[in-house]
Amino acid sequence: MAKLILGIKLGMTQIFSENGTVVPVTVVASGNNVVIRNKNIDSDGYYAVQLGFGDIKEKHVNKPMQGQFKKADVKPVKFIREMRLEGESEYKIGDTIGVDIFEAGELVDVIGKSKGKGFAGGIKRHNFARGPMGHGSKSHREPGSTGAMLSGPGGRVIKGKKLPGRMGGVRTTVQRLTVVKVDKDRNLILIKGAIPGPKKGLVIVRNTVKPDKIKK
């Protein structure tokens, strides 16, 4: 069964394990996620489930979304995310999902939007090596050659070439993180290590897919 939940990243802290070791953890706050829609092969061409999370005033919801919530017979939510599944969803529309679907020691993958860092050069963005720093050098931090295709008529830079540009702000997945603790009373999940995104950023927590189930 696929375990999925949406939550908000609160930040990092540390706790002590039973043997006294300090464990760095990221705290994720999650309430009751609601299943808004299930997709299947016959109607949509693939399997997926749509989850909703977060409170929002009804006056801030547009009419198309109001119709979707009314059809599912659920109250409006702030965030909606769709996640693909290997097979047909085992959840029913209107079901609520809490943090208790996970347990301590379980491996999870966390999906979020990485921090945006603005325009960055090749050294910061792609870990390029710098050029000579002597006075005679004309390229201390320049990216260097962009390839031989610029030499002839109609030359171009090959698509995907690593160059300076906008850094961060993209969907990022960190895999195989360990759940250290689940606090059902306060709807918190403590995950070992760092996860993508800034504080108060939306993240998706799902159980790690076993290697034999990963599509090659």
N, C-alpha and C. Protein backbone atom coordinates (compact mmCIF):
# COMPACT_ATOMS: atom_id res chain seq x y z
N MET A 1 0.84 -1.21 0.00
CA MET A 1 0.00 0.00 0.00
C MET A 1 0.87 1.25 0.00
N ALA A 2 0.53 2.17 -0.88
CA ALA A 2 1.28 3.42 -0.95
C ALA A 2 0.91 4.31 0.22
N LYS A 3 1.92 4.80 0.92
CA LYS A 3 1.72 5.72 2.04
C LYS A 3 2.12 7.11 1.59
N LEU A 4 1.17 8.04 1.59
CA LEU A 4 1.40 9.38 1.09
C LEU A 4 0.77 10.39 2.04
N ILE A 5 1.44 11.52 2.21
CA ILE A 5 0.87 12.58 3.04
C ILE A 5 1.53 13.91 2.67
N LEU A 6 0.75 14.99 2.76
CA LEU A 6 1.27 16.33 2.55
C LEU A 6 1.52 16.98 3.91
N GLY A 7 2.52 17.85 3.96
CA GLY A 7 2.83 18.52 5.22
C GLY A 7 3.60 19.81 4.99
N ILE A 8 3.85 20.51 6.07
CA ILE A 8 4.59 21.77 6.05
C ILE A 8 5.90 21.59 6.81
N LYS A 9 7.00 21.99 6.19
CA LYS A 9 8.30 21.92 6.84
C LYS A 9 8.41 23.03 7.87
N LEU A 10 8.62 22.66 9.14
CA LEU A 10 8.74 23.64 10.20
C LEU A 10 10.18 24.07 10.45
N GLY A 11 11.14 23.19 10.14
CA GLY A 11 12.54 23.51 10.38
C GLY A 11 13.27 22.33 10.99
N MET A 12 14.54 22.54 11.35
CA MET A 12 15.36 21.47 11.89
C MET A 12 15.62 21.68 13.38
N THR A 13 15.82 20.56 14.05
CA THR A 13 16.19 20.56 15.46
C THR A 13 16.98 19.28 15.72
N GLN A 14 17.13 18.93 16.98
CA GLN A 14 17.83 17.68 17.29
C GLN A 14 17.18 17.04 18.52
N ILE A 15 17.22 15.71 18.54
CA ILE A 15 16.70 14.96 19.68
C ILE A 15 17.74 13.93 20.08
N PHE A 16 17.55 13.33 21.24
CA PHE A 16 18.47 12.32 21.74
C PHE A 16 17.83 10.94 21.57
N SER A 17 18.62 10.01 21.06
CA SER A 17 18.15 8.64 20.93
C SER A 17 18.23 7.95 22.30
N GLU A 18 17.79 6.70 22.36
CA GLU A 18 17.77 5.96 23.62
C GLU A 18 19.17 5.75 24.19
N ASN A 19 20.18 5.66 23.30
CA ASN A 19 21.55 5.46 23.78
C ASN A 19 22.30 6.77 23.99
N GLY A 20 21.60 7.91 23.90
CA GLY A 20 22.20 9.20 24.18
C GLY A 20 22.83 9.89 22.98
N THR A 21 22.68 9.33 21.79
CA THR A 21 23.25 9.95 20.59
C THR A 21 22.36 11.08 20.10
N VAL A 22 22.99 12.17 19.68
CA VAL A 22 22.24 13.31 19.13
C VAL A 22 21.86 13.00 17.69
N VAL A 23 20.58 13.16 17.38
CA VAL A 23 20.07 12.88 16.03
C VAL A 23 19.49 14.16 15.45
N PRO A 24 20.05 14.68 14.35
CA PRO A 24 19.47 15.86 13.70
C PRO A 24 18.20 15.46 12.95
N VAL A 25 17.13 16.20 13.15
CA VAL A 25 15.85 15.87 12.52
C VAL A 25 15.20 17.11 11.93
N THR A 26 14.37 16.88 10.90
CA THR A 26 13.52 17.93 10.35
C THR A 26 12.08 17.65 10.78
N VAL A 27 11.40 18.67 11.26
CA VAL A 27 10.03 18.52 11.75
C VAL A 27 9.05 18.89 10.65
N VAL A 28 8.14 17.98 10.35
CA VAL A 28 7.10 18.21 9.35
C VAL A 28 5.75 18.18 10.05
N ALA A 29 4.98 19.26 9.90
CA ALA A 29 3.64 19.34 10.47
C ALA A 29 2.62 18.94 9.42
N SER A 30 1.73 18.04 9.79
CA SER A 30 0.72 17.57 8.85
C SER A 30 -0.59 17.36 9.59
N GLY A 31 -1.67 17.78 8.98
CA GLY A 31 -2.99 17.55 9.56
C GLY A 31 -3.65 16.37 8.89
N ASN A 32 -4.95 16.38 8.86
CA ASN A 32 -5.69 15.32 8.20
C ASN A 32 -5.76 15.61 6.70
N ASN A 33 -5.02 14.84 5.93
CA ASN A 33 -5.11 14.92 4.48
C ASN A 33 -6.39 14.26 4.02
N VAL A 34 -7.02 14.82 3.01
CA VAL A 34 -8.27 14.27 2.50
C VAL A 34 -8.08 13.83 1.05
N VAL A 35 -8.64 12.68 0.71
CA VAL A 35 -8.58 12.17 -0.66
C VAL A 35 -9.67 12.84 -1.48
N ILE A 36 -9.26 13.58 -2.52
CA ILE A 36 -10.20 14.34 -3.33
C ILE A 36 -10.60 13.59 -4.60
N ARG A 37 -9.64 12.83 -5.16
CA ARG A 37 -9.94 12.14 -6.42
C ARG A 37 -9.00 10.98 -6.62
N ASN A 38 -9.49 9.92 -7.25
CA ASN A 38 -8.67 8.79 -7.68
C ASN A 38 -8.70 8.71 -9.20
N LYS A 39 -7.55 8.46 -9.79
CA LYS A 39 -7.46 8.31 -11.24
C LYS A 39 -7.07 6.87 -11.57
N ASN A 40 -7.56 6.39 -12.72
CA ASN A 40 -7.25 5.02 -13.12
C ASN A 40 -6.98 4.94 -14.62
N ILE A 41 -6.59 3.77 -15.06
CA ILE A 41 -6.21 3.56 -16.46
C ILE A 41 -7.38 3.81 -17.41
N ASP A 42 -8.55 3.36 -17.05
CA ASP A 42 -9.70 3.43 -17.95
C ASP A 42 -10.10 4.86 -18.27
N SER A 43 -10.14 5.72 -17.27
CA SER A 43 -10.63 7.08 -17.48
C SER A 43 -9.53 8.11 -17.72
N ASP A 44 -8.32 7.85 -17.17
CA ASP A 44 -7.26 8.87 -17.25
C ASP A 44 -5.98 8.38 -17.90
N GLY A 45 -5.83 7.07 -18.07
CA GLY A 45 -4.63 6.54 -18.70
C GLY A 45 -3.51 6.22 -17.74
N TYR A 46 -3.72 6.48 -16.45
CA TYR A 46 -2.70 6.17 -15.45
C TYR A 46 -3.36 6.14 -14.07
N TYR A 47 -2.64 5.58 -13.11
CA TYR A 47 -3.15 5.51 -11.74
C TYR A 47 -2.56 6.66 -10.92
N ALA A 48 -3.40 7.32 -10.15
CA ALA A 48 -2.93 8.41 -9.30
C ALA A 48 -3.98 8.71 -8.24
N VAL A 49 -3.55 9.45 -7.22
CA VAL A 49 -4.46 9.90 -6.17
C VAL A 49 -4.19 11.37 -5.92
N GLN A 50 -5.27 12.13 -5.69
CA GLN A 50 -5.15 13.55 -5.38
C GLN A 50 -5.46 13.76 -3.90
N LEU A 51 -4.51 14.39 -3.20
CA LEU A 51 -4.68 14.68 -1.78
C LEU A 51 -4.81 16.18 -1.56
N GLY A 52 -5.61 16.55 -0.57
CA GLY A 52 -5.77 17.94 -0.20
C GLY A 52 -5.34 18.16 1.24
N PHE A 53 -4.82 19.36 1.51
CA PHE A 53 -4.30 19.64 2.85
C PHE A 53 -4.33 21.14 3.10
N GLY A 54 -4.63 21.53 4.33
CA GLY A 54 -4.58 22.93 4.72
C GLY A 54 -5.94 23.60 4.70
N ASP A 55 -6.16 24.48 5.66
CA ASP A 55 -7.43 25.21 5.76
C ASP A 55 -7.41 26.44 4.85
N ILE A 56 -8.59 26.74 4.30
CA ILE A 56 -8.74 27.93 3.46
C ILE A 56 -10.19 28.38 3.54
N LYS A 57 -10.41 29.69 3.48
CA LYS A 57 -11.77 30.23 3.49
C LYS A 57 -12.42 29.98 2.12
N GLU A 58 -13.68 29.65 2.15
CA GLU A 58 -14.39 29.31 0.91
C GLU A 58 -14.43 30.48 -0.07
N LYS A 59 -14.41 31.71 0.45
CA LYS A 59 -14.47 32.87 -0.44
C LYS A 59 -13.18 33.03 -1.27
N HIS A 60 -12.10 32.34 -0.84
CA HIS A 60 -10.85 32.42 -1.58
C HIS A 60 -10.69 31.29 -2.60
N VAL A 61 -11.73 30.48 -2.76
CA VAL A 61 -11.69 29.35 -3.70
C VAL A 61 -12.49 29.72 -4.95
N ASN A 62 -11.91 29.55 -6.13
CA ASN A 62 -12.63 29.89 -7.35
C ASN A 62 -13.72 28.86 -7.66
N LYS A 63 -14.60 29.18 -8.59
CA LYS A 63 -15.76 28.34 -8.85
C LYS A 63 -15.41 26.95 -9.38
N PRO A 64 -14.42 26.82 -10.31
CA PRO A 64 -14.07 25.46 -10.74
C PRO A 64 -13.62 24.56 -9.60
N MET A 65 -12.82 25.12 -8.66
CA MET A 65 -12.36 24.31 -7.54
C MET A 65 -13.50 24.03 -6.56
N GLN A 66 -14.42 24.99 -6.40
CA GLN A 66 -15.58 24.74 -5.55
C GLN A 66 -16.39 23.57 -6.07
N GLY A 67 -16.52 23.50 -7.41
CA GLY A 67 -17.23 22.38 -8.01
C GLY A 67 -16.53 21.05 -7.76
N GLN A 68 -15.20 21.06 -7.80
CA GLN A 68 -14.45 19.83 -7.55
C GLN A 68 -14.61 19.37 -6.10
N PHE A 69 -14.56 20.32 -5.16
CA PHE A 69 -14.74 19.96 -3.75
C PHE A 69 -16.16 19.48 -3.48
N LYS A 70 -17.14 20.11 -4.14
CA LYS A 70 -18.52 19.70 -3.97
C LYS A 70 -18.77 18.30 -4.51
N LYS A 71 -18.14 18.00 -5.64
CA LYS A 71 -18.30 16.67 -6.24
C LYS A 71 -17.71 15.59 -5.33
N ALA A 72 -16.59 15.90 -4.68
CA ALA A 72 -15.96 14.94 -3.77
C ALA A 72 -16.60 14.95 -2.40
N ASP A 73 -17.48 15.95 -2.15
CA ASP A 73 -18.16 16.09 -0.86
C ASP A 73 -17.15 16.27 0.27
N VAL A 74 -16.18 17.19 0.05
CA VAL A 74 -15.19 17.52 1.07
C VAL A 74 -15.13 19.04 1.19
N LYS A 75 -14.65 19.52 2.33
CA LYS A 75 -14.53 20.96 2.50
C LYS A 75 -13.29 21.47 1.75
N PRO A 76 -13.29 22.74 1.34
CA PRO A 76 -12.17 23.27 0.57
C PRO A 76 -10.84 23.18 1.32
N VAL A 77 -9.76 22.95 0.59
CA VAL A 77 -8.42 22.87 1.16
C VAL A 77 -7.50 23.81 0.40
N LYS A 78 -6.39 24.16 1.03
CA LYS A 78 -5.46 25.13 0.46
C LYS A 78 -4.56 24.50 -0.59
N PHE A 79 -4.05 23.30 -0.30
CA PHE A 79 -3.10 22.66 -1.21
C PHE A 79 -3.71 21.38 -1.78
N ILE A 80 -3.45 21.15 -3.06
CA ILE A 80 -3.84 19.90 -3.72
C ILE A 80 -2.64 19.39 -4.49
N ARG A 81 -2.29 18.14 -4.29
CA ARG A 81 -1.20 17.52 -5.02
C ARG A 81 -1.63 16.14 -5.52
N GLU A 82 -1.20 15.83 -6.73
CA GLU A 82 -1.50 14.53 -7.33
C GLU A 82 -0.23 13.69 -7.37
N MET A 83 -0.34 12.45 -6.95
CA MET A 83 0.82 11.56 -6.94
C MET A 83 0.47 10.26 -7.66
N ARG A 84 1.34 9.87 -8.57
CA ARG A 84 1.12 8.65 -9.34
C ARG A 84 1.33 7.41 -8.48
N LEU A 85 0.62 6.35 -8.86
CA LEU A 85 0.70 5.08 -8.16
C LEU A 85 1.03 3.97 -9.13
N GLU A 86 1.56 2.88 -8.59
CA GLU A 86 1.88 1.72 -9.42
C GLU A 86 0.60 0.98 -9.84
N GLY A 87 -0.39 0.99 -8.98
CA GLY A 87 -1.64 0.32 -9.27
C GLY A 87 -2.82 1.15 -8.81
N GLU A 88 -3.99 0.56 -8.79
CA GLU A 88 -5.19 1.29 -8.42
C GLU A 88 -5.13 1.71 -6.95
N SER A 89 -5.62 2.91 -6.69
CA SER A 89 -5.57 3.47 -5.34
C SER A 89 -6.43 2.65 -4.38
N GLU A 90 -5.90 2.44 -3.18
CA GLU A 90 -6.65 1.74 -2.14
C GLU A 90 -7.45 2.70 -1.26
N TYR A 91 -7.28 4.01 -1.52
CA TYR A 91 -8.03 5.00 -0.76
C TYR A 91 -9.37 5.28 -1.44
N LYS A 92 -10.33 5.72 -0.66
CA LYS A 92 -11.63 6.11 -1.17
C LYS A 92 -11.78 7.62 -1.06
N ILE A 93 -12.56 8.21 -1.98
CA ILE A 93 -12.77 9.65 -1.95
C ILE A 93 -13.42 10.04 -0.63
N GLY A 94 -12.82 11.05 0.01
CA GLY A 94 -13.32 11.49 1.31
C GLY A 94 -12.55 10.92 2.48
N ASP A 95 -11.70 9.90 2.24
CA ASP A 95 -10.89 9.33 3.32
C ASP A 95 -9.91 10.37 3.85
N THR A 96 -9.62 10.31 5.14
CA THR A 96 -8.62 11.19 5.74
C THR A 96 -7.38 10.37 6.09
N ILE A 97 -6.22 10.97 5.90
CA ILE A 97 -4.94 10.31 6.16
C ILE A 97 -4.19 11.12 7.21
N GLY A 98 -3.75 10.46 8.26
CA GLY A 98 -3.02 11.12 9.33
C GLY A 98 -1.57 10.68 9.39
N VAL A 99 -0.82 11.28 10.30
CA VAL A 99 0.61 10.97 10.41
C VAL A 99 0.85 9.56 10.92
N ASP A 100 -0.18 8.94 11.49
CA ASP A 100 0.00 7.61 12.06
C ASP A 100 0.14 6.51 11.02
N ILE A 101 0.06 6.87 9.72
CA ILE A 101 0.33 5.85 8.69
C ILE A 101 1.82 5.50 8.66
N PHE A 102 2.66 6.40 9.22
CA PHE A 102 4.09 6.13 9.31
C PHE A 102 4.45 5.73 10.73
N GLU A 103 5.59 5.06 10.86
CA GLU A 103 6.06 4.65 12.19
C GLU A 103 7.57 4.84 12.27
N ALA A 104 8.09 4.94 13.46
CA ALA A 104 9.51 5.15 13.67
C ALA A 104 10.32 4.02 13.06
N GLY A 105 11.43 4.39 12.39
CA GLY A 105 12.30 3.41 11.75
C GLY A 105 11.97 3.16 10.29
N GLU A 106 10.86 3.69 9.82
CA GLU A 106 10.46 3.47 8.43
C GLU A 106 11.24 4.40 7.50
N LEU A 107 11.51 3.93 6.27
CA LEU A 107 12.20 4.73 5.27
C LEU A 107 11.19 5.48 4.42
N VAL A 108 11.45 6.77 4.18
CA VAL A 108 10.54 7.59 3.39
C VAL A 108 11.33 8.42 2.38
N ASP A 109 10.63 8.85 1.33
CA ASP A 109 11.14 9.82 0.37
C ASP A 109 10.39 11.12 0.59
N VAL A 110 11.11 12.24 0.54
CA VAL A 110 10.49 13.56 0.75
C VAL A 110 10.68 14.40 -0.51
N ILE A 111 9.56 14.93 -1.00
CA ILE A 111 9.56 15.74 -2.22
C ILE A 111 9.19 17.16 -1.86
N GLY A 112 9.96 18.12 -2.35
CA GLY A 112 9.66 19.52 -2.10
C GLY A 112 10.30 20.40 -3.15
N LYS A 113 10.07 21.70 -3.05
CA LYS A 113 10.66 22.66 -3.96
C LYS A 113 11.89 23.26 -3.28
N SER A 114 13.05 23.09 -3.90
CA SER A 114 14.30 23.55 -3.29
C SER A 114 14.32 25.07 -3.16
N LYS A 115 15.15 25.56 -2.25
CA LYS A 115 15.27 27.00 -2.03
C LYS A 115 15.78 27.69 -3.30
N GLY A 116 15.14 28.77 -3.69
CA GLY A 116 15.61 29.55 -4.83
C GLY A 116 16.78 30.42 -4.43
N LYS A 117 17.85 30.39 -5.22
CA LYS A 117 19.05 31.14 -4.88
C LYS A 117 19.37 32.22 -5.92
N GLY A 118 18.44 32.46 -6.84
CA GLY A 118 18.64 33.50 -7.84
C GLY A 118 19.66 33.11 -8.89
N PHE A 119 20.16 34.11 -9.63
CA PHE A 119 21.15 33.87 -10.68
C PHE A 119 22.50 33.53 -10.05
N ALA A 120 23.11 32.46 -10.54
CA ALA A 120 24.40 32.02 -9.99
C ALA A 120 25.34 31.64 -11.12
N GLY A 121 26.62 31.80 -10.88
CA GLY A 121 27.63 31.44 -11.88
C GLY A 121 27.89 29.94 -11.89
N GLY A 122 28.75 29.53 -12.80
CA GLY A 122 29.02 28.11 -12.96
C GLY A 122 29.72 27.48 -11.77
N ILE A 123 30.55 28.26 -11.06
CA ILE A 123 31.28 27.71 -9.91
C ILE A 123 30.31 27.35 -8.79
N LYS A 124 29.39 28.25 -8.49
CA LYS A 124 28.41 27.99 -7.43
C LYS A 124 27.35 27.00 -7.88
N ARG A 125 26.89 27.15 -9.11
CA ARG A 125 25.75 26.35 -9.59
C ARG A 125 26.12 24.92 -9.95
N HIS A 126 27.29 24.73 -10.57
CA HIS A 126 27.68 23.41 -11.05
C HIS A 126 29.00 22.91 -10.47
N ASN A 127 29.56 23.66 -9.51
CA ASN A 127 30.81 23.27 -8.86
C ASN A 127 31.97 23.23 -9.84
N PHE A 128 31.99 24.16 -10.80
CA PHE A 128 33.12 24.26 -11.72
C PHE A 128 34.38 24.68 -10.97
N ALA A 129 35.53 24.33 -11.52
CA ALA A 129 36.80 24.83 -10.99
C ALA A 129 37.07 26.21 -11.57
N ARG A 130 37.70 27.08 -10.80
CA ARG A 130 37.99 28.42 -11.29
C ARG A 130 39.25 28.40 -12.15
N GLY A 131 39.44 29.48 -12.88
CA GLY A 131 40.63 29.62 -13.70
C GLY A 131 41.79 30.16 -12.89
N PRO A 132 42.96 30.38 -13.53
CA PRO A 132 44.12 30.93 -12.82
C PRO A 132 43.79 32.32 -12.25
N MET A 133 44.32 32.60 -11.08
CA MET A 133 44.04 33.87 -10.42
C MET A 133 45.14 34.91 -10.61
N GLY A 134 46.11 34.61 -11.47
CA GLY A 134 47.19 35.57 -11.73
C GLY A 134 46.70 36.77 -12.52
N HIS A 135 47.52 37.82 -12.56
CA HIS A 135 47.13 39.06 -13.25
C HIS A 135 46.99 38.85 -14.75
N GLY A 136 47.70 37.89 -15.30
CA GLY A 136 47.63 37.69 -16.75
C GLY A 136 46.40 36.92 -17.20
N SER A 137 45.70 36.31 -16.28
CA SER A 137 44.52 35.52 -16.63
C SER A 137 43.34 36.44 -16.94
N LYS A 138 42.60 36.07 -17.97
CA LYS A 138 41.41 36.85 -18.36
C LYS A 138 40.12 36.13 -17.98
N SER A 139 40.23 34.97 -17.35
CA SER A 139 39.01 34.21 -17.04
C SER A 139 39.15 33.56 -15.66
N HIS A 140 38.91 34.35 -14.64
CA HIS A 140 39.00 33.82 -13.27
C HIS A 140 37.83 32.91 -12.94
N ARG A 141 36.61 33.37 -13.23
CA ARG A 141 35.41 32.61 -12.86
C ARG A 141 34.49 32.40 -14.06
N GLU A 142 34.99 32.59 -15.25
CA GLU A 142 34.17 32.37 -16.45
C GLU A 142 33.98 30.88 -16.70
N PRO A 143 32.91 30.49 -17.40
CA PRO A 143 32.63 29.06 -17.59
C PRO A 143 33.57 28.34 -18.53
N GLY A 144 34.33 29.08 -19.35
CA GLY A 144 35.24 28.42 -20.28
C GLY A 144 34.57 28.10 -21.61
N SER A 145 35.12 27.13 -22.34
CA SER A 145 34.62 26.79 -23.66
C SER A 145 33.20 26.23 -23.60
N THR A 146 32.38 26.64 -24.57
CA THR A 146 31.02 26.10 -24.67
C THR A 146 30.92 25.05 -25.78
N GLY A 147 32.06 24.63 -26.35
CA GLY A 147 32.04 23.58 -27.36
C GLY A 147 32.44 24.09 -28.72
N ALA A 148 32.75 23.16 -29.62
CA ALA A 148 33.25 23.50 -30.95
C ALA A 148 32.14 23.80 -31.95
N MET A 149 30.88 23.63 -31.56
CA MET A 149 29.80 23.82 -32.51
C MET A 149 29.57 25.28 -32.86
N LEU A 150 30.23 26.19 -32.10
CA LEU A 150 30.09 27.61 -32.40
C LEU A 150 31.02 28.07 -33.52
N SER A 151 31.92 27.19 -33.95
CA SER A 151 32.95 27.60 -34.92
C SER A 151 32.40 27.81 -36.32
N GLY A 152 31.40 27.01 -36.73
CA GLY A 152 30.90 27.09 -38.10
C GLY A 152 29.64 27.91 -38.21
N PRO A 153 29.17 28.12 -39.45
CA PRO A 153 27.90 28.83 -39.65
C PRO A 153 26.74 28.08 -38.99
N GLY A 154 25.85 28.81 -38.39
CA GLY A 154 24.72 28.18 -37.72
C GLY A 154 25.10 27.46 -36.45
N GLY A 155 26.25 27.80 -35.89
CA GLY A 155 26.70 27.13 -34.67
C GLY A 155 25.78 27.44 -33.50
N ARG A 156 25.75 26.54 -32.56
CA ARG A 156 24.88 26.73 -31.41
C ARG A 156 25.49 26.04 -30.19
N VAL A 157 24.97 26.37 -29.04
CA VAL A 157 25.36 25.69 -27.81
C VAL A 157 24.48 24.46 -27.64
N ILE A 158 25.08 23.31 -27.36
CA ILE A 158 24.32 22.07 -27.22
C ILE A 158 23.32 22.21 -26.08
N LYS A 159 22.11 21.73 -26.31
CA LYS A 159 21.05 21.79 -25.31
C LYS A 159 21.46 21.03 -24.06
N GLY A 160 21.26 21.64 -22.90
CA GLY A 160 21.63 21.01 -21.63
C GLY A 160 23.02 21.36 -21.15
N LYS A 161 23.74 22.21 -21.89
CA LYS A 161 25.08 22.61 -21.49
C LYS A 161 25.05 23.31 -20.14
N LYS A 162 25.96 22.94 -19.25
CA LYS A 162 26.01 23.55 -17.93
C LYS A 162 26.61 24.95 -18.03
N LEU A 163 25.80 25.95 -17.70
CA LEU A 163 26.21 27.34 -17.79
C LEU A 163 25.61 28.11 -16.61
N PRO A 164 26.04 29.36 -16.40
CA PRO A 164 25.41 30.16 -15.36
C PRO A 164 23.92 30.32 -15.62
N GLY A 165 23.14 30.50 -14.56
CA GLY A 165 21.70 30.67 -14.71
C GLY A 165 21.02 30.62 -13.36
N ARG A 166 19.71 30.53 -13.41
CA ARG A 166 18.92 30.50 -12.17
C ARG A 166 19.19 29.21 -11.41
N MET A 167 19.42 29.33 -10.11
CA MET A 167 19.77 28.18 -9.28
C MET A 167 18.68 27.93 -8.25
N GLY A 168 18.29 26.69 -8.11
CA GLY A 168 17.28 26.32 -7.11
C GLY A 168 15.87 26.57 -7.61
N GLY A 169 14.91 26.42 -6.69
CA GLY A 169 13.52 26.65 -7.04
C GLY A 169 12.94 25.57 -7.94
N VAL A 170 13.43 24.33 -7.80
CA VAL A 170 12.96 23.23 -8.64
C VAL A 170 12.49 22.07 -7.74
N ARG A 171 11.67 21.22 -8.30
CA ARG A 171 11.18 20.05 -7.57
C ARG A 171 12.36 19.13 -7.27
N THR A 172 12.51 18.76 -6.00
CA THR A 172 13.64 17.97 -5.55
C THR A 172 13.14 16.82 -4.67
N THR A 173 13.75 15.65 -4.83
CA THR A 173 13.39 14.50 -4.02
C THR A 173 14.62 13.99 -3.27
N VAL A 174 14.49 13.80 -1.96
CA VAL A 174 15.53 13.18 -1.15
C VAL A 174 15.00 11.82 -0.73
N GLN A 175 15.75 10.78 -1.04
CA GLN A 175 15.27 9.41 -0.85
C GLN A 175 15.86 8.75 0.38
N ARG A 176 15.13 7.75 0.85
CA ARG A 176 15.58 6.85 1.90
C ARG A 176 16.01 7.58 3.17
N LEU A 177 15.12 8.44 3.67
CA LEU A 177 15.33 9.09 4.96
C LEU A 177 14.57 8.31 6.03
N THR A 178 15.07 8.31 7.24
CA THR A 178 14.48 7.52 8.31
C THR A 178 13.53 8.35 9.16
N VAL A 179 12.35 7.82 9.41
CA VAL A 179 11.42 8.45 10.34
C VAL A 179 11.89 8.14 11.76
N VAL A 180 12.22 9.19 12.51
CA VAL A 180 12.73 9.02 13.88
C VAL A 180 11.59 8.93 14.88
N LYS A 181 10.55 9.75 14.68
CA LYS A 181 9.45 9.78 15.64
C LYS A 181 8.19 10.30 14.97
N VAL A 182 7.05 9.78 15.39
CA VAL A 182 5.74 10.26 14.93
C VAL A 182 4.94 10.69 16.14
N ASP A 183 4.54 11.97 16.17
CA ASP A 183 3.76 12.52 17.27
C ASP A 183 2.32 12.69 16.78
N LYS A 184 1.49 11.71 17.07
CA LYS A 184 0.11 11.73 16.58
C LYS A 184 -0.70 12.84 17.22
N ASP A 185 -0.44 13.15 18.50
CA ASP A 185 -1.22 14.17 19.20
C ASP A 185 -1.02 15.55 18.60
N ARG A 186 0.20 15.85 18.16
CA ARG A 186 0.49 17.17 17.59
C ARG A 186 0.64 17.13 16.08
N ASN A 187 0.36 15.97 15.46
CA ASN A 187 0.43 15.81 14.00
C ASN A 187 1.81 16.18 13.45
N LEU A 188 2.85 15.63 14.07
CA LEU A 188 4.22 15.92 13.65
C LEU A 188 4.94 14.65 13.23
N ILE A 189 5.80 14.79 12.22
CA ILE A 189 6.68 13.70 11.81
C ILE A 189 8.11 14.21 11.90
N LEU A 190 8.96 13.51 12.63
CA LEU A 190 10.37 13.87 12.76
C LEU A 190 11.18 12.97 11.86
N ILE A 191 11.85 13.57 10.87
CA ILE A 191 12.60 12.82 9.86
C ILE A 191 14.08 13.12 10.01
N LYS A 192 14.89 12.09 10.03
CA LYS A 192 16.33 12.26 10.21
C LYS A 192 16.96 12.96 9.01
N GLY A 193 17.76 13.99 9.29
CA GLY A 193 18.47 14.70 8.23
C GLY A 193 17.68 15.86 7.67
N ALA A 194 18.18 16.40 6.56
CA ALA A 194 17.58 17.58 5.93
C ALA A 194 16.65 17.17 4.80
N ILE A 195 15.64 17.98 4.55
CA ILE A 195 14.71 17.75 3.45
C ILE A 195 14.65 19.01 2.60
N PRO A 196 14.15 18.92 1.36
CA PRO A 196 14.15 20.09 0.47
C PRO A 196 13.21 21.18 0.94
N GLY A 197 13.50 22.40 0.51
CA GLY A 197 12.59 23.51 0.70
C GLY A 197 12.89 24.40 1.88
N PRO A 198 12.27 25.59 1.89
CA PRO A 198 12.43 26.53 3.01
C PRO A 198 11.46 26.20 4.13
N LYS A 199 11.58 26.91 5.23
CA LYS A 199 10.61 26.77 6.31
C LYS A 199 9.23 27.20 5.81
N LYS A 200 8.21 26.51 6.26
CA LYS A 200 6.81 26.72 5.88
C LYS A 200 6.55 26.31 4.43
N GLY A 201 7.49 25.57 3.84
CA GLY A 201 7.29 25.08 2.48
C GLY A 201 6.51 23.77 2.48
N LEU A 202 5.73 23.56 1.44
CA LEU A 202 4.94 22.33 1.32
C LEU A 202 5.83 21.17 0.88
N VAL A 203 5.68 20.03 1.52
CA VAL A 203 6.44 18.83 1.14
C VAL A 203 5.50 17.64 1.05
N ILE A 204 5.92 16.65 0.30
CA ILE A 204 5.21 15.38 0.17
C ILE A 204 6.08 14.29 0.79
N VAL A 205 5.51 13.55 1.71
CA VAL A 205 6.22 12.44 2.34
C VAL A 205 5.57 11.14 1.88
N ARG A 206 6.37 10.23 1.35
CA ARG A 206 5.84 8.94 0.88
C ARG A 206 6.79 7.84 1.30
N ASN A 207 6.27 6.64 1.41
CA ASN A 207 7.14 5.52 1.76
C ASN A 207 8.08 5.21 0.61
N THR A 208 9.31 4.81 0.94
CA THR A 208 10.32 4.54 -0.07
C THR A 208 9.94 3.33 -0.91
N VAL A 209 10.09 3.48 -2.23
CA VAL A 209 9.79 2.37 -3.13
C VAL A 209 10.93 1.38 -3.08
N LYS A 210 10.60 0.11 -2.96
CA LYS A 210 11.62 -0.93 -2.91
C LYS A 210 12.36 -1.00 -4.25
N PRO A 211 13.67 -1.34 -4.23
CA PRO A 211 14.46 -1.37 -5.46
C PRO A 211 13.87 -2.23 -6.56
N ASP A 212 13.23 -3.35 -6.18
CA ASP A 212 12.70 -4.24 -7.22
C ASP A 212 11.44 -3.71 -7.88
N LYS A 213 10.88 -2.58 -7.33
CA LYS A 213 9.70 -2.00 -7.91
C LYS A 213 10.00 -0.74 -8.71
N ILE A 214 11.26 -0.32 -8.73
CA ILE A 214 11.64 0.88 -9.47
C ILE A 214 11.71 0.55 -10.96
N LYS A 215 11.04 1.38 -11.76
CA LYS A 215 11.05 1.16 -13.21
C LYS A 215 12.42 1.52 -13.77
N LYS A 216 12.95 0.64 -14.62
CA LYS A 216 14.26 0.90 -15.24
C LYS A 216 14.07 1.47 -16.63
